[in-house]
Amino acid sequence: KLMNRGLHPQALLVLSRLLDQKPAPRDPEVYVNYLACLRAVDEPENALYEYETSVPTDLRTDPEVLTEVGHCWMQLKNYGRGTETFGLALSYVPKPSEKADKLTLLRGVALTRSE
């Protein structure tokens, strides 16, 4: 609810507390929201670091998590990595699907900007 109201710093505090719990959450949505909040407060580098260090290995291939990572690369204007990450996310979703269509479009945007 905090994110929906644009209160990303406050949502980040709540999510940080949640992620500090032991054992760590297993729901990919928690990590997607955490990365999205970091990106929203203009910390995409920190979001990429957290992806590498905090997201459980088996959740790093979740298409929603990868999509958020792709957005971080795009925010950093690293369109090549954005293209690569959206392509990787696409490889984990069923085709045809709405998610596959969205990832194909995002990958196309990143590819166009990288040229």
PDB file of N, CA and C in Angstrom:
ATOM      1  N   LYS A   1       0.820  -1.192   0.000  1.00  0.00           N
ATOM      2  CA  LYS A   1       0.000   0.000   0.000  1.00  0.00           C
ATOM      3  C   LYS A   1       0.864   1.257   0.000  1.00  0.00           C
ATOM      4  N   LEU A   2       1.988   1.219   0.704  1.00  0.00           N
ATOM      5  CA  LEU A   2       2.867   2.388   0.727  1.00  0.00           C
ATOM      6  C   LEU A   2       3.411   2.692  -0.663  1.00  0.00           C
ATOM      7  N   MET A   3       3.803   1.647  -1.387  1.00  0.00           N
ATOM      8  CA  MET A   3       4.332   1.842  -2.740  1.00  0.00           C
ATOM      9  C   MET A   3       3.267   2.431  -3.658  1.00  0.00           C
ATOM     10  N   ASN A   4       2.039   1.950  -3.535  1.00  0.00           N
ATOM     11  CA  ASN A   4       0.948   2.453  -4.379  1.00  0.00           C
ATOM     12  C   ASN A   4       0.678   3.928  -4.140  1.00  0.00           C
ATOM     13  N   ARG A   5       0.986   4.397  -2.953  1.00  0.00           N
ATOM     14  CA  ARG A   5       0.784   5.813  -2.623  1.00  0.00           C
ATOM     15  C   ARG A   5       2.035   6.636  -2.886  1.00  0.00           C
ATOM     16  N   GLY A   6       3.069   6.024  -3.457  1.00  0.00           N
ATOM     17  CA  GLY A   6       4.296   6.745  -3.786  1.00  0.00           C
ATOM     18  C   GLY A   6       5.205   6.975  -2.594  1.00  0.00           C
ATOM     19  N   LEU A   7       4.969   6.264  -1.513  1.00  0.00           N
ATOM     20  CA  LEU A   7       5.782   6.422  -0.298  1.00  0.00           C
ATOM     21  C   LEU A   7       6.912   5.387  -0.295  1.00  0.00           C
ATOM     22  N   HIS A   8       7.777   5.496  -1.281  1.00  0.00           N
ATOM     23  CA  HIS A   8       8.828   4.496  -1.461  1.00  0.00           C
ATOM     24  C   HIS A   8       9.848   4.455  -0.318  1.00  0.00           C
ATOM     25  N   PRO A   9      10.285   5.584   0.237  1.00  0.00           N
ATOM     26  CA  PRO A   9      11.221   5.499   1.366  1.00  0.00           C
ATOM     27  C   PRO A   9      10.629   4.748   2.566  1.00  0.00           C
ATOM     28  N   GLN A  10       9.355   4.990   2.844  1.00  0.00           N
ATOM     29  CA  GLN A  10       8.706   4.306   3.956  1.00  0.00           C
ATOM     30  C   GLN A  10       8.539   2.814   3.650  1.00  0.00           C
ATOM     31  N   ALA A  11       8.163   2.501   2.425  1.00  0.00           N
ATOM     32  CA  ALA A  11       8.030   1.100   2.024  1.00  0.00           C
ATOM     33  C   ALA A  11       9.376   0.394   2.100  1.00  0.00           C
ATOM     34  N   LEU A  12      10.423   1.107   1.755  1.00  0.00           N
ATOM     35  CA  LEU A  12      11.772   0.545   1.816  1.00  0.00           C
ATOM     36  C   LEU A  12      12.142   0.163   3.248  1.00  0.00           C
ATOM     37  N   LEU A  13      11.757   0.984   4.215  1.00  0.00           N
ATOM     38  CA  LEU A  13      12.023   0.665   5.620  1.00  0.00           C
ATOM     39  C   LEU A  13      11.289  -0.608   6.049  1.00  0.00           C
ATOM     40  N   VAL A  14      10.032  -0.712   5.656  1.00  0.00           N
ATOM     41  CA  VAL A  14       9.236  -1.893   6.008  1.00  0.00           C
ATOM     42  C   VAL A  14       9.834  -3.137   5.365  1.00  0.00           C
ATOM     43  N   LEU A  15      10.174  -3.036   4.089  1.00  0.00           N
ATOM     44  CA  LEU A  15      10.742  -4.185   3.381  1.00  0.00           C
ATOM     45  C   LEU A  15      12.107  -4.578   3.942  1.00  0.00           C
ATOM     46  N   SER A  16      12.904  -3.589   4.321  1.00  0.00           N
ATOM     47  CA  SER A  16      14.225  -3.875   4.907  1.00  0.00           C
ATOM     48  C   SER A  16      14.085  -4.668   6.199  1.00  0.00           C
ATOM     49  N   ARG A  17      13.120  -4.278   7.034  1.00  0.00           N
ATOM     50  CA  ARG A  17      12.872  -5.016   8.280  1.00  0.00           C
ATOM     51  C   ARG A  17      12.428  -6.440   7.985  1.00  0.00           C
ATOM     52  N   LEU A  18      11.579  -6.582   7.005  1.00  0.00           N
ATOM     53  CA  LEU A  18      11.097  -7.902   6.614  1.00  0.00           C
ATOM     54  C   LEU A  18      12.247  -8.782   6.110  1.00  0.00           C
ATOM     55  N   LEU A  19      13.127  -8.204   5.320  1.00  0.00           N
ATOM     56  CA  LEU A  19      14.249  -8.968   4.768  1.00  0.00           C
ATOM     57  C   LEU A  19      15.310  -9.299   5.817  1.00  0.00           C
ATOM     58  N   ASP A  20      15.332  -8.544   6.904  1.00  0.00           N
ATOM     59  CA  ASP A  20      16.296  -8.819   7.981  1.00  0.00           C
ATOM     60  C   ASP A  20      15.865  -9.985   8.865  1.00  0.00           C
ATOM     61  N   GLN A  21      14.619 -10.425   8.716  1.00  0.00           N
ATOM     62  CA  GLN A  21      14.132 -11.547   9.528  1.00  0.00           C
ATOM     63  C   GLN A  21      14.831 -12.833   9.130  1.00  0.00           C
ATOM     64  N   LYS A  22      14.954 -13.706  10.094  1.00  0.00           N
ATOM     65  CA  LYS A  22      15.515 -15.035   9.841  1.00  0.00           C
ATOM     66  C   LYS A  22      14.439 -16.064  10.095  1.00  0.00           C
ATOM     67  N   PRO A  23      14.170 -16.963   9.199  1.00  0.00           N
ATOM     68  CA  PRO A  23      14.769 -17.047   7.867  1.00  0.00           C
ATOM     69  C   PRO A  23      14.224 -15.962   6.947  1.00  0.00           C
ATOM     70  N   ALA A  24      14.992 -15.679   5.914  1.00  0.00           N
ATOM     71  CA  ALA A  24      14.607 -14.657   4.942  1.00  0.00           C
ATOM     72  C   ALA A  24      13.342 -15.102   4.198  1.00  0.00           C
ATOM     73  N   PRO A  25      12.538 -14.144   3.771  1.00  0.00           N
ATOM     74  CA  PRO A  25      11.328 -14.489   3.025  1.00  0.00           C
ATOM     75  C   PRO A  25      11.646 -15.258   1.743  1.00  0.00           C
ATOM     76  N   ARG A  26      10.720 -16.098   1.324  1.00  0.00           N
ATOM     77  CA  ARG A  26      10.894 -16.895   0.112  1.00  0.00           C
ATOM     78  C   ARG A  26       9.990 -16.407  -1.015  1.00  0.00           C
ATOM     79  N   ASP A  27       9.236 -15.363  -0.782  1.00  0.00           N
ATOM     80  CA  ASP A  27       8.311 -14.842  -1.771  1.00  0.00           C
ATOM     81  C   ASP A  27       9.045 -13.874  -2.704  1.00  0.00           C
ATOM     82  N   PRO A  28       9.094 -14.176  -4.009  1.00  0.00           N
ATOM     83  CA  PRO A  28       9.803 -13.283  -4.930  1.00  0.00           C
ATOM     84  C   PRO A  28       9.224 -11.872  -4.963  1.00  0.00           C
ATOM     85  N   GLU A  29       7.926 -11.734  -4.658  1.00  0.00           N
ATOM     86  CA  GLU A  29       7.305 -10.412  -4.680  1.00  0.00           C
ATOM     87  C   GLU A  29       7.962  -9.457  -3.672  1.00  0.00           C
ATOM     88  N   VAL A  30       8.417  -9.979  -2.549  1.00  0.00           N
ATOM     89  CA  VAL A  30       9.103  -9.146  -1.552  1.00  0.00           C
ATOM     90  C   VAL A  30      10.362  -8.538  -2.167  1.00  0.00           C
ATOM     91  N   TYR A  31      11.106  -9.357  -2.884  1.00  0.00           N
ATOM     92  CA  TYR A  31      12.350  -8.884  -3.501  1.00  0.00           C
ATOM     93  C   TYR A  31      12.076  -7.948  -4.668  1.00  0.00           C
ATOM     94  N   VAL A  32      11.035  -8.235  -5.446  1.00  0.00           N
ATOM     95  CA  VAL A  32      10.657  -7.343  -6.544  1.00  0.00           C
ATOM     96  C   VAL A  32      10.318  -5.969  -5.983  1.00  0.00           C
ATOM     97  N   ASN A  33       9.522  -5.927  -4.925  1.00  0.00           N
ATOM     98  CA  ASN A  33       9.137  -4.651  -4.314  1.00  0.00           C
ATOM     99  C   ASN A  33      10.339  -3.934  -3.716  1.00  0.00           C
ATOM    100  N   TYR A  34      11.246  -4.678  -3.108  1.00  0.00           N
ATOM    101  CA  TYR A  34      12.447  -4.080  -2.518  1.00  0.00           C
ATOM    102  C   TYR A  34      13.299  -3.434  -3.605  1.00  0.00           C
ATOM    103  N   LEU A  35      13.530  -4.155  -4.686  1.00  0.00           N
ATOM    104  CA  LEU A  35      14.329  -3.613  -5.791  1.00  0.00           C
ATOM    105  C   LEU A  35      13.623  -2.422  -6.430  1.00  0.00           C
ATOM    106  N   ALA A  36      12.301  -2.513  -6.570  1.00  0.00           N
ATOM    107  CA  ALA A  36      11.539  -1.406  -7.159  1.00  0.00           C
ATOM    108  C   ALA A  36      11.611  -0.154  -6.287  1.00  0.00           C
ATOM    109  N   CYS A  37      11.559  -0.329  -4.978  1.00  0.00           N
ATOM    110  CA  CYS A  37      11.672   0.819  -4.069  1.00  0.00           C
ATOM    111  C   CYS A  37      13.042   1.461  -4.167  1.00  0.00           C
ATOM    112  N   LEU A  38      14.082   0.647  -4.217  1.00  0.00           N
ATOM    113  CA  LEU A  38      15.432   1.197  -4.356  1.00  0.00           C
ATOM    114  C   LEU A  38      15.558   1.985  -5.660  1.00  0.00           C
ATOM    115  N   ARG A  39      14.999   1.438  -6.705  1.00  0.00           N
ATOM    116  CA  ARG A  39      15.037   2.134  -8.004  1.00  0.00           C
ATOM    117  C   ARG A  39      14.240   3.430  -7.931  1.00  0.00           C
ATOM    118  N   ALA A  40      13.094   3.409  -7.241  1.00  0.00           N
ATOM    119  CA  ALA A  40      12.237   4.594  -7.132  1.00  0.00           C
ATOM    120  C   ALA A  40      12.889   5.721  -6.349  1.00  0.00           C
ATOM    121  N   VAL A  41      13.768   5.377  -5.408  1.00  0.00           N
ATOM    122  CA  VAL A  41      14.474   6.421  -4.649  1.00  0.00           C
ATOM    123  C   VAL A  41      15.830   6.719  -5.287  1.00  0.00           C
ATOM    124  N   ASP A  42      15.944   6.371  -6.562  1.00  0.00           N
ATOM    125  CA  ASP A  42      17.120   6.665  -7.380  1.00  0.00           C
ATOM    126  C   ASP A  42      18.385   5.980  -6.879  1.00  0.00           C
ATOM    127  N   GLU A  43      18.240   4.712  -6.504  1.00  0.00           N
ATOM    128  CA  GLU A  43      19.386   3.904  -6.089  1.00  0.00           C
ATOM    129  C   GLU A  43      19.454   2.603  -6.889  1.00  0.00           C
ATOM    130  N   PRO A  44      19.502   2.698  -8.231  1.00  0.00           N
ATOM    131  CA  PRO A  44      19.535   1.469  -9.022  1.00  0.00           C
ATOM    132  C   PRO A  44      20.818   0.656  -8.815  1.00  0.00           C
ATOM    133  N   GLU A  45      21.940   1.334  -8.537  1.00  0.00           N
ATOM    134  CA  GLU A  45      23.176   0.590  -8.276  1.00  0.00           C
ATOM    135  C   GLU A  45      23.039  -0.258  -7.016  1.00  0.00           C
ATOM    136  N   ASN A  46      22.430   0.318  -5.999  1.00  0.00           N
ATOM    137  CA  ASN A  46      22.203  -0.406  -4.758  1.00  0.00           C
ATOM    138  C   ASN A  46      21.246  -1.569  -4.992  1.00  0.00           C
ATOM    139  N   ALA A  47      20.240  -1.357  -5.830  1.00  0.00           N
ATOM    140  CA  ALA A  47      19.302  -2.434  -6.148  1.00  0.00           C
ATOM    141  C   ALA A  47      20.035  -3.595  -6.820  1.00  0.00           C
ATOM    142  N   LEU A  48      20.944  -3.299  -7.738  1.00  0.00           N
ATOM    143  CA  LEU A  48      21.706  -4.362  -8.405  1.00  0.00           C
ATOM    144  C   LEU A  48      22.610  -5.086  -7.413  1.00  0.00           C
ATOM    145  N   TYR A  49      23.200  -4.342  -6.495  1.00  0.00           N
ATOM    146  CA  TYR A  49      24.025  -4.958  -5.449  1.00  0.00           C
ATOM    147  C   TYR A  49      23.178  -5.883  -4.580  1.00  0.00           C
ATOM    148  N   GLU A  50      22.012  -5.415  -4.183  1.00  0.00           N
ATOM    149  CA  GLU A  50      21.122  -6.231  -3.353  1.00  0.00           C
ATOM    150  C   GLU A  50      20.659  -7.475  -4.105  1.00  0.00           C
ATOM    151  N   TYR A  51      20.430  -7.338  -5.394  1.00  0.00           N
ATOM    152  CA  TYR A  51      20.059  -8.500  -6.206  1.00  0.00           C
ATOM    153  C   TYR A  51      21.153  -9.564  -6.125  1.00  0.00           C
ATOM    154  N   GLU A  52      22.393  -9.145  -6.254  1.00  0.00           N
ATOM    155  CA  GLU A  52      23.517 -10.086  -6.234  1.00  0.00           C
ATOM    156  C   GLU A  52      23.788 -10.668  -4.846  1.00  0.00           C
ATOM    157  N   THR A  53      23.498  -9.907  -3.803  1.00  0.00           N
ATOM    158  CA  THR A  53      23.901 -10.334  -2.459  1.00  0.00           C
ATOM    159  C   THR A  53      22.754 -10.782  -1.553  1.00  0.00           C
ATOM    160  N   SER A  54      21.544 -10.282  -1.791  1.00  0.00           N
ATOM    161  CA  SER A  54      20.456 -10.562  -0.862  1.00  0.00           C
ATOM    162  C   SER A  54      19.368 -11.483  -1.416  1.00  0.00           C
ATOM    163  N   VAL A  55      19.173 -11.445  -2.716  1.00  0.00           N
ATOM    164  CA  VAL A  55      18.122 -12.284  -3.305  1.00  0.00           C
ATOM    165  C   VAL A  55      18.621 -13.731  -3.313  1.00  0.00           C
ATOM    166  N   PRO A  56      17.847 -14.657  -2.741  1.00  0.00           N
ATOM    167  CA  PRO A  56      18.269 -16.063  -2.757  1.00  0.00           C
ATOM    168  C   PRO A  56      18.537 -16.541  -4.189  1.00  0.00           C
ATOM    169  N   THR A  57      19.551 -17.355  -4.330  1.00  0.00           N
ATOM    170  CA  THR A  57      20.001 -17.809  -5.645  1.00  0.00           C
ATOM    171  C   THR A  57      18.864 -18.359  -6.491  1.00  0.00           C
ATOM    172  N   ASP A  58      17.995 -19.163  -5.899  1.00  0.00           N
ATOM    173  CA  ASP A  58      16.923 -19.769  -6.687  1.00  0.00           C
ATOM    174  C   ASP A  58      15.859 -18.759  -7.112  1.00  0.00           C
ATOM    175  N   LEU A  59      15.819 -17.593  -6.489  1.00  0.00           N
ATOM    176  CA  LEU A  59      14.854 -16.565  -6.883  1.00  0.00           C
ATOM    177  C   LEU A  59      15.433 -15.581  -7.893  1.00  0.00           C
ATOM    178  N   ARG A  60      16.726 -15.670  -8.160  1.00  0.00           N
ATOM    179  CA  ARG A  60      17.361 -14.745  -9.103  1.00  0.00           C
ATOM    180  C   ARG A  60      16.937 -14.995 -10.542  1.00  0.00           C
ATOM    181  N   THR A  61      16.316 -16.137 -10.797  1.00  0.00           N
ATOM    182  CA  THR A  61      15.827 -16.421 -12.149  1.00  0.00           C
ATOM    183  C   THR A  61      14.319 -16.216 -12.259  1.00  0.00           C
ATOM    184  N   ASP A  62      13.702 -15.690 -11.218  1.00  0.00           N
ATOM    185  CA  ASP A  62      12.283 -15.385 -11.275  1.00  0.00           C
ATOM    186  C   ASP A  62      12.081 -14.263 -12.297  1.00  0.00           C
ATOM    187  N   PRO A  63      11.162 -14.438 -13.250  1.00  0.00           N
ATOM    188  CA  PRO A  63      10.982 -13.430 -14.300  1.00  0.00           C
ATOM    189  C   PRO A  63      10.656 -12.033 -13.772  1.00  0.00           C
ATOM    190  N   GLU A  64       9.878 -11.939 -12.692  1.00  0.00           N
ATOM    191  CA  GLU A  64       9.541 -10.621 -12.144  1.00  0.00           C
ATOM    192  C   GLU A  64      10.769  -9.955 -11.512  1.00  0.00           C
ATOM    193  N   VAL A  65      11.571 -10.747 -10.820  1.00  0.00           N
ATOM    194  CA  VAL A  65      12.810 -10.219 -10.230  1.00  0.00           C
ATOM    195  C   VAL A  65      13.732  -9.745 -11.351  1.00  0.00           C
ATOM    196  N   LEU A  66      13.908 -10.576 -12.370  1.00  0.00           N
ATOM    197  CA  LEU A  66      14.766 -10.210 -13.492  1.00  0.00           C
ATOM    198  C   LEU A  66      14.249  -8.976 -14.228  1.00  0.00           C
ATOM    199  N   THR A  67      12.935  -8.839 -14.332  1.00  0.00           N
ATOM    200  CA  THR A  67      12.371  -7.659 -14.980  1.00  0.00           C
ATOM    201  C   THR A  67      12.751  -6.402 -14.218  1.00  0.00           C
ATOM    202  N   GLU A  68      12.684  -6.465 -12.899  1.00  0.00           N
ATOM    203  CA  GLU A  68      13.071  -5.302 -12.093  1.00  0.00           C
ATOM    204  C   GLU A  68      14.561  -4.997 -12.255  1.00  0.00           C
ATOM    205  N   VAL A  69      15.380  -6.034 -12.332  1.00  0.00           N
ATOM    206  CA  VAL A  69      16.820  -5.842 -12.566  1.00  0.00           C
ATOM    207  C   VAL A  69      17.035  -5.178 -13.927  1.00  0.00           C
ATOM    208  N   GLY A  70      16.287  -5.620 -14.936  1.00  0.00           N
ATOM    209  CA  GLY A  70      16.380  -4.991 -16.256  1.00  0.00           C
ATOM    210  C   GLY A  70      16.040  -3.515 -16.208  1.00  0.00           C
ATOM    211  N   HIS A  71      15.018  -3.152 -15.430  1.00  0.00           N
ATOM    212  CA  HIS A  71      14.662  -1.735 -15.279  1.00  0.00           C
ATOM    213  C   HIS A  71      15.800  -0.956 -14.618  1.00  0.00           C
ATOM    214  N   CYS A  72      16.488  -1.582 -13.677  1.00  0.00           N
ATOM    215  CA  CYS A  72      17.634  -0.914 -13.036  1.00  0.00           C
ATOM    216  C   CYS A  72      18.714  -0.608 -14.068  1.00  0.00           C
ATOM    217  N   TRP A  73      19.022  -1.598 -14.910  1.00  0.00           N
ATOM    218  CA  TRP A  73      20.023  -1.369 -15.952  1.00  0.00           C
ATOM    219  C   TRP A  73      19.591  -0.248 -16.891  1.00  0.00           C
ATOM    220  N   MET A  74      18.305  -0.214 -17.216  1.00  0.00           N
ATOM    221  CA  MET A  74      17.804   0.847 -18.092  1.00  0.00           C
ATOM    222  C   MET A  74      17.936   2.216 -17.421  1.00  0.00           C
ATOM    223  N   GLN A  75      17.635   2.281 -16.129  1.00  0.00           N
ATOM    224  CA  GLN A  75      17.759   3.550 -15.406  1.00  0.00           C
ATOM    225  C   GLN A  75      19.205   4.031 -15.408  1.00  0.00           C
ATOM    226  N   LEU A  76      20.131   3.084 -15.390  1.00  0.00           N
ATOM    227  CA  LEU A  76      21.559   3.427 -15.426  1.00  0.00           C
ATOM    228  C   LEU A  76      22.056   3.668 -16.855  1.00  0.00           C
ATOM    229  N   LYS A  77      21.161   3.574 -17.812  1.00  0.00           N
ATOM    230  CA  LYS A  77      21.459   3.748 -19.228  1.00  0.00           C
ATOM    231  C   LYS A  77      22.442   2.699 -19.763  1.00  0.00           C
ATOM    232  N   ASN A  78      22.447   1.544 -19.122  1.00  0.00           N
ATOM    233  CA  ASN A  78      23.231   0.409 -19.611  1.00  0.00           C
ATOM    234  C   ASN A  78      22.259  -0.478 -20.387  1.00  0.00           C
ATOM    235  N   TYR A  79      21.959  -0.048 -21.598  1.00  0.00           N
ATOM    236  CA  TYR A  79      20.917  -0.689 -22.386  1.00  0.00           C
ATOM    237  C   TYR A  79      21.301  -2.091 -22.843  1.00  0.00           C
ATOM    238  N   GLY A  80      22.584  -2.334 -23.031  1.00  0.00           N
ATOM    239  CA  GLY A  80      23.025  -3.680 -23.391  1.00  0.00           C
ATOM    240  C   GLY A  80      22.697  -4.683 -22.299  1.00  0.00           C
ATOM    241  N   ARG A  81      23.005  -4.325 -21.061  1.00  0.00           N
ATOM    242  CA  ARG A  81      22.671  -5.212 -19.932  1.00  0.00           C
ATOM    243  C   ARG A  81      21.162  -5.307 -19.737  1.00  0.00           C
ATOM    244  N   GLY A  82      20.443  -4.211 -19.997  1.00  0.00           N
ATOM    245  CA  GLY A  82      18.991  -4.251 -19.920  1.00  0.00           C
ATOM    246  C   GLY A  82      18.424  -5.237 -20.935  1.00  0.00           C
ATOM    247  N   THR A  83      18.923  -5.167 -22.161  1.00  0.00           N
ATOM    248  CA  THR A  83      18.495  -6.093 -23.216  1.00  0.00           C
ATOM    249  C   THR A  83      18.758  -7.531 -22.803  1.00  0.00           C
ATOM    250  N   GLU A  84      19.956  -7.765 -22.296  1.00  0.00           N
ATOM    251  CA  GLU A  84      20.358  -9.111 -21.861  1.00  0.00           C
ATOM    252  C   GLU A  84      19.452  -9.623 -20.733  1.00  0.00           C
ATOM    253  N   THR A  85      19.176  -8.767 -19.766  1.00  0.00           N
ATOM    254  CA  THR A  85      18.383  -9.173 -18.606  1.00  0.00           C
ATOM    255  C   THR A  85      16.922  -9.421 -18.980  1.00  0.00           C
ATOM    256  N   PHE A  86      16.353  -8.555 -19.810  1.00  0.00           N
ATOM    257  CA  PHE A  86      14.979  -8.793 -20.263  1.00  0.00           C
ATOM    258  C   PHE A  86      14.901 -10.083 -21.082  1.00  0.00           C
ATOM    259  N   GLY A  87      15.933 -10.355 -21.880  1.00  0.00           N
ATOM    260  CA  GLY A  87      15.967 -11.601 -22.648  1.00  0.00           C
ATOM    261  C   GLY A  87      16.032 -12.814 -21.743  1.00  0.00           C
ATOM    262  N   LEU A  88      16.823 -12.716 -20.679  1.00  0.00           N
ATOM    263  CA  LEU A  88      16.916 -13.813 -19.718  1.00  0.00           C
ATOM    264  C   LEU A  88      15.567 -14.037 -19.036  1.00  0.00           C
ATOM    265  N   ALA A  89      14.924 -12.949 -18.626  1.00  0.00           N
ATOM    266  CA  ALA A  89      13.597 -13.066 -18.001  1.00  0.00           C
ATOM    267  C   ALA A  89      12.619 -13.726 -18.971  1.00  0.00           C
ATOM    268  N   LEU A  90      12.697 -13.351 -20.232  1.00  0.00           N
ATOM    269  CA  LEU A  90      11.809 -13.913 -21.251  1.00  0.00           C
ATOM    270  C   LEU A  90      11.983 -15.424 -21.374  1.00  0.00           C
ATOM    271  N   SER A  91      13.196 -15.902 -21.158  1.00  0.00           N
ATOM    272  CA  SER A  91      13.449 -17.342 -21.281  1.00  0.00           C
ATOM    273  C   SER A  91      12.780 -18.148 -20.168  1.00  0.00           C
ATOM    274  N   TYR A  92      12.329 -17.487 -19.112  1.00  0.00           N
ATOM    275  CA  TYR A  92      11.703 -18.175 -17.979  1.00  0.00           C
ATOM    276  C   TYR A  92      10.179 -18.048 -17.943  1.00  0.00           C
ATOM    277  N   VAL A  93       9.578 -17.424 -18.952  1.00  0.00           N
ATOM    278  CA  VAL A  93       8.119 -17.281 -18.947  1.00  0.00           C
ATOM    279  C   VAL A  93       7.508 -18.126 -20.062  1.00  0.00           C
ATOM    280  N   PRO A  94       6.282 -18.605 -19.832  1.00  0.00           N
ATOM    281  CA  PRO A  94       5.618 -19.379 -20.888  1.00  0.00           C
ATOM    282  C   PRO A  94       5.266 -18.482 -22.075  1.00  0.00           C
ATOM    283  N   LYS A  95       5.314 -19.063 -23.227  1.00  0.00           N
ATOM    284  CA  LYS A  95       4.966 -18.337 -24.447  1.00  0.00           C
ATOM    285  C   LYS A  95       3.852 -19.101 -25.136  1.00  0.00           C
ATOM    286  N   PRO A  96       2.879 -18.508 -25.689  1.00  0.00           N
ATOM    287  CA  PRO A  96       2.593 -17.073 -25.618  1.00  0.00           C
ATOM    288  C   PRO A  96       1.958 -16.710 -24.277  1.00  0.00           C
ATOM    289  N   SER A  97       2.224 -15.523 -23.832  1.00  0.00           N
ATOM    290  CA  SER A  97       1.614 -15.008 -22.605  1.00  0.00           C
ATOM    291  C   SER A  97       1.747 -13.493 -22.598  1.00  0.00           C
ATOM    292  N   GLU A  98       0.952 -12.865 -21.758  1.00  0.00           N
ATOM    293  CA  GLU A  98       1.014 -11.408 -21.634  1.00  0.00           C
ATOM    294  C   GLU A  98       2.385 -10.976 -21.116  1.00  0.00           C
ATOM    295  N   LYS A  99       2.935 -11.746 -20.179  1.00  0.00           N
ATOM    296  CA  LYS A  99       4.258 -11.421 -19.628  1.00  0.00           C
ATOM    297  C   LYS A  99       5.325 -11.536 -20.716  1.00  0.00           C
ATOM    298  N   ALA A 100       5.246 -12.554 -21.556  1.00  0.00           N
ATOM    299  CA  ALA A 100       6.212 -12.707 -22.650  1.00  0.00           C
ATOM    300  C   ALA A 100       6.114 -11.525 -23.612  1.00  0.00           C
ATOM    301  N   ASP A 101       4.899 -11.085 -23.898  1.00  0.00           N
ATOM    302  CA  ASP A 101       4.717  -9.930 -24.783  1.00  0.00           C
ATOM    303  C   ASP A 101       5.345  -8.679 -24.175  1.00  0.00           C
ATOM    304  N   LYS A 102       5.123  -8.470 -22.881  1.00  0.00           N
ATOM    305  CA  LYS A 102       5.681  -7.296 -22.198  1.00  0.00           C
ATOM    306  C   LYS A 102       7.207  -7.335 -22.214  1.00  0.00           C
ATOM    307  N   LEU A 103       7.770  -8.494 -21.924  1.00  0.00           N
ATOM    308  CA  LEU A 103       9.233  -8.613 -21.920  1.00  0.00           C
ATOM    309  C   LEU A 103       9.819  -8.428 -23.312  1.00  0.00           C
ATOM    310  N   THR A 104       9.122  -8.898 -24.321  1.00  0.00           N
ATOM    311  CA  THR A 104       9.585  -8.711 -25.694  1.00  0.00           C
ATOM    312  C   THR A 104       9.624  -7.221 -26.032  1.00  0.00           C
ATOM    313  N   LEU A 105       8.591  -6.488 -25.612  1.00  0.00           N
ATOM    314  CA  LEU A 105       8.572  -5.041 -25.840  1.00  0.00           C
ATOM    315  C   LEU A 105       9.690  -4.336 -25.076  1.00  0.00           C
ATOM    316  N   LEU A 106       9.872  -4.691 -23.802  1.00  0.00           N
ATOM    317  CA  LEU A 106      10.935  -4.074 -23.001  1.00  0.00           C
ATOM    318  C   LEU A 106      12.308  -4.367 -23.600  1.00  0.00           C
ATOM    319  N   ARG A 107      12.495  -5.596 -24.034  1.00  0.00           N
ATOM    320  CA  ARG A 107      13.770  -5.975 -24.662  1.00  0.00           C
ATOM    321  C   ARG A 107      13.993  -5.177 -25.944  1.00  0.00           C
ATOM    322  N   GLY A 108      12.922  -4.984 -26.705  1.00  0.00           N
ATOM    323  CA  GLY A 108      13.021  -4.189 -27.935  1.00  0.00           C
ATOM    324  C   GLY A 108      13.393  -2.747 -27.660  1.00  0.00           C
ATOM    325  N   VAL A 109      12.794  -2.164 -26.638  1.00  0.00           N
ATOM    326  CA  VAL A 109      13.130  -0.783 -26.259  1.00  0.00           C
ATOM    327  C   VAL A 109      14.594  -0.695 -25.856  1.00  0.00           C
ATOM    328  N   ALA A 110      15.036  -1.637 -25.038  1.00  0.00           N
ATOM    329  CA  ALA A 110      16.438  -1.623 -24.593  1.00  0.00           C
ATOM    330  C   ALA A 110      17.371  -1.807 -25.774  1.00  0.00           C
ATOM    331  N   LEU A 111      17.031  -2.701 -26.674  1.00  0.00           N
ATOM    332  CA  LEU A 111      17.865  -2.954 -27.854  1.00  0.00           C
ATOM    333  C   LEU A 111      17.944  -1.728 -28.744  1.00  0.00           C
ATOM    334  N   THR A 112      16.825  -1.056 -28.932  1.00  0.00           N
ATOM    335  CA  THR A 112      16.797   0.156 -29.752  1.00  0.00           C
ATOM    336  C   THR A 112      17.676   1.251 -29.147  1.00  0.00           C
ATOM    337  N   ARG A 113      17.606   1.391 -27.842  1.00  0.00           N
ATOM    338  CA  ARG A 113      18.411   2.434 -27.184  1.00  0.00           C
ATOM    339  C   ARG A 113      19.885   2.092 -27.163  1.00  0.00           C
ATOM    340  N   SER A 114      20.223   0.811 -27.235  1.00  0.00           N
ATOM    341  CA  SER A 114      21.644   0.434 -27.163  1.00  0.00           C
ATOM    342  C   SER A 114      22.365   0.662 -28.488  1.00  0.00           C
ATOM    343  N   GLU A 115      21.604   0.923 -29.532  1.00  0.00           N
ATOM    344  CA  GLU A 115      22.239   1.114 -30.852  1.00  0.00           C
ATOM    345  C   GLU A 115      22.667   2.537 -31.065  1.00  0.00           C
TER     346      GLU A 115
END
